[in-house]
Amino acid sequence: MVKSSKGIRKRTRNILRKSPRHRGMPPITHSFIQYEVGEKAAVVIDPSVHKGQPHVSFHGKTGTIVGKQGKAYMVHLGIGKHGKDIIVGPEHLKKQVF
C-alpha cells in the first residue's frame, strides 16, 4: 500500500475541480464584488485562485460577513458550539439572496 497524503488539499479531487467549460481564471469582476457587514455569503472555493482560499472543510457553508481585512472578508460560520471566524478572499464568496 502507498501511504496516503497528509497535505492541506488531501481528498479534494472532486471538490476542487472545474468543469471543462469553466476552466481557467475567473472573470476579473469576481474580485470587485463588495460585501456589507451583516450580509449572508456562501463559501464556494474557486480552485484556480489560490490566494485567500479557505480550508476545504468550509466549502459550501453559509456564513455572515463580520468585517474586512485588507481585500479579504471575515466570515462567521455557525460550526460547532461557538462558530468559527475565517478569512476568505472575495473570489471564494457568493452572495446569498433569501
Protein backbone atom coordinates (compact mmCIF):
# COMPACT_ATOMS: atom_id res chain seq x y z
CA MET A 1 0.00 0.00 0.00
CA VAL A 2 1.04 3.53 -0.70
CA LYS A 3 0.99 5.91 2.24
CA SER A 4 -1.87 8.41 1.99
CA SER A 5 -1.17 12.09 1.53
CA LYS A 6 -1.47 14.34 4.59
CA GLY A 7 -1.43 17.68 2.74
CA ILE A 8 -3.88 20.57 3.11
CA ARG A 9 -5.70 19.61 -0.13
CA LYS A 10 -6.00 15.87 0.55
CA ARG A 11 -9.14 14.10 -0.75
CA THR A 12 -10.25 17.11 -2.82
CA ARG A 13 -10.11 15.65 -6.33
CA ASN A 14 -13.82 16.19 -6.97
CA ILE A 15 -14.43 19.24 -4.78
CA LEU A 16 -11.64 21.36 -6.23
CA ARG A 17 -12.23 20.54 -9.90
CA LYS A 18 -13.85 22.75 -12.50
CA SER A 19 -15.83 21.51 -15.46
CA PRO A 20 -14.05 21.88 -18.82
CA ARG A 21 -16.33 24.76 -19.79
CA HIS A 22 -15.37 26.82 -16.72
CA ARG A 23 -11.63 26.08 -16.65
CA GLY A 24 -9.10 28.89 -16.41
CA MET A 25 -9.11 32.08 -14.44
CA PRO A 26 -12.44 33.60 -13.30
CA PRO A 27 -13.67 36.96 -14.60
CA ILE A 28 -11.98 39.98 -13.03
CA THR A 29 -15.36 41.21 -11.77
CA HIS A 30 -15.43 38.43 -9.17
CA SER A 31 -12.63 40.22 -7.32
CA PHE A 32 -14.51 43.54 -7.24
CA ILE A 33 -17.75 42.35 -5.61
CA GLN A 34 -18.38 44.30 -2.40
CA TYR A 35 -19.98 42.75 0.68
CA GLU A 36 -21.53 44.66 3.55
CA VAL A 37 -21.19 43.73 7.22
CA GLY A 38 -24.12 41.53 8.23
CA GLU A 39 -24.70 40.21 4.72
CA LYS A 40 -25.02 36.45 4.12
CA ALA A 41 -22.49 34.79 1.83
CA ALA A 42 -21.68 31.20 0.87
CA VAL A 43 -18.10 29.93 0.78
CA VAL A 44 -17.61 28.45 -2.69
CA ILE A 45 -13.93 27.74 -3.32
CA ASP A 46 -12.58 28.67 -6.75
CA PRO A 47 -9.70 26.23 -7.30
CA SER A 48 -7.99 28.41 -9.92
CA VAL A 49 -7.34 31.19 -7.35
CA HIS A 50 -5.02 30.02 -4.58
CA LYS A 51 -4.70 33.31 -2.68
CA GLY A 52 -7.31 33.82 0.03
CA GLN A 53 -8.53 30.25 -0.28
CA PRO A 54 -10.16 28.83 2.87
CA HIS A 55 -9.80 25.25 4.06
CA VAL A 56 -11.79 22.70 2.06
CA SER A 57 -13.91 21.79 5.07
CA PHE A 58 -15.64 25.21 4.77
CA HIS A 59 -16.64 24.69 1.12
CA GLY A 60 -20.42 25.02 0.69
CA LYS A 61 -21.05 26.58 4.11
CA THR A 62 -23.02 29.81 4.51
CA GLY A 63 -22.00 32.50 6.97
CA THR A 64 -22.29 36.16 7.86
CA ILE A 65 -19.79 38.85 6.88
CA VAL A 66 -18.43 40.35 10.12
CA GLY A 67 -15.64 42.55 8.82
CA LYS A 68 -12.99 43.26 6.24
CA GLN A 69 -9.26 42.60 6.47
CA GLY A 70 -7.34 44.06 3.56
CA LYS A 71 -9.02 42.80 0.38
CA ALA A 72 -10.41 39.74 2.15
CA TYR A 73 -13.52 39.37 4.31
CA MET A 74 -14.02 37.87 7.75
CA VAL A 75 -16.90 35.41 7.70
CA HIS A 76 -18.55 33.91 10.78
CA LEU A 77 -19.70 30.33 10.20
CA GLY A 78 -22.03 28.59 12.65
CA ILE A 79 -19.90 25.48 13.06
CA GLY A 80 -19.63 23.88 16.46
CA LYS A 81 -20.67 25.40 19.77
CA HIS A 82 -19.30 28.91 19.25
CA GLY A 83 -18.84 29.06 15.49
CA LYS A 84 -15.73 29.90 13.51
CA ASP A 85 -14.39 33.11 12.01
CA ILE A 86 -12.48 32.58 8.78
CA ILE A 87 -10.72 34.99 6.43
CA VAL A 88 -11.75 34.50 2.80
CA GLY A 89 -10.90 36.28 -0.43
CA PRO A 90 -13.84 37.71 -2.43
CA GLU A 91 -13.25 35.21 -5.26
CA HIS A 92 -14.32 32.40 -2.94
CA LEU A 93 -17.57 34.01 -1.75
CA LYS A 94 -21.01 34.05 -3.34
CA LYS A 95 -23.85 36.38 -2.32
CA GLN A 96 -26.92 34.68 -0.86
CA VAL A 97 -30.39 36.01 -1.63
CA PHE A 98 -33.01 34.94 0.87
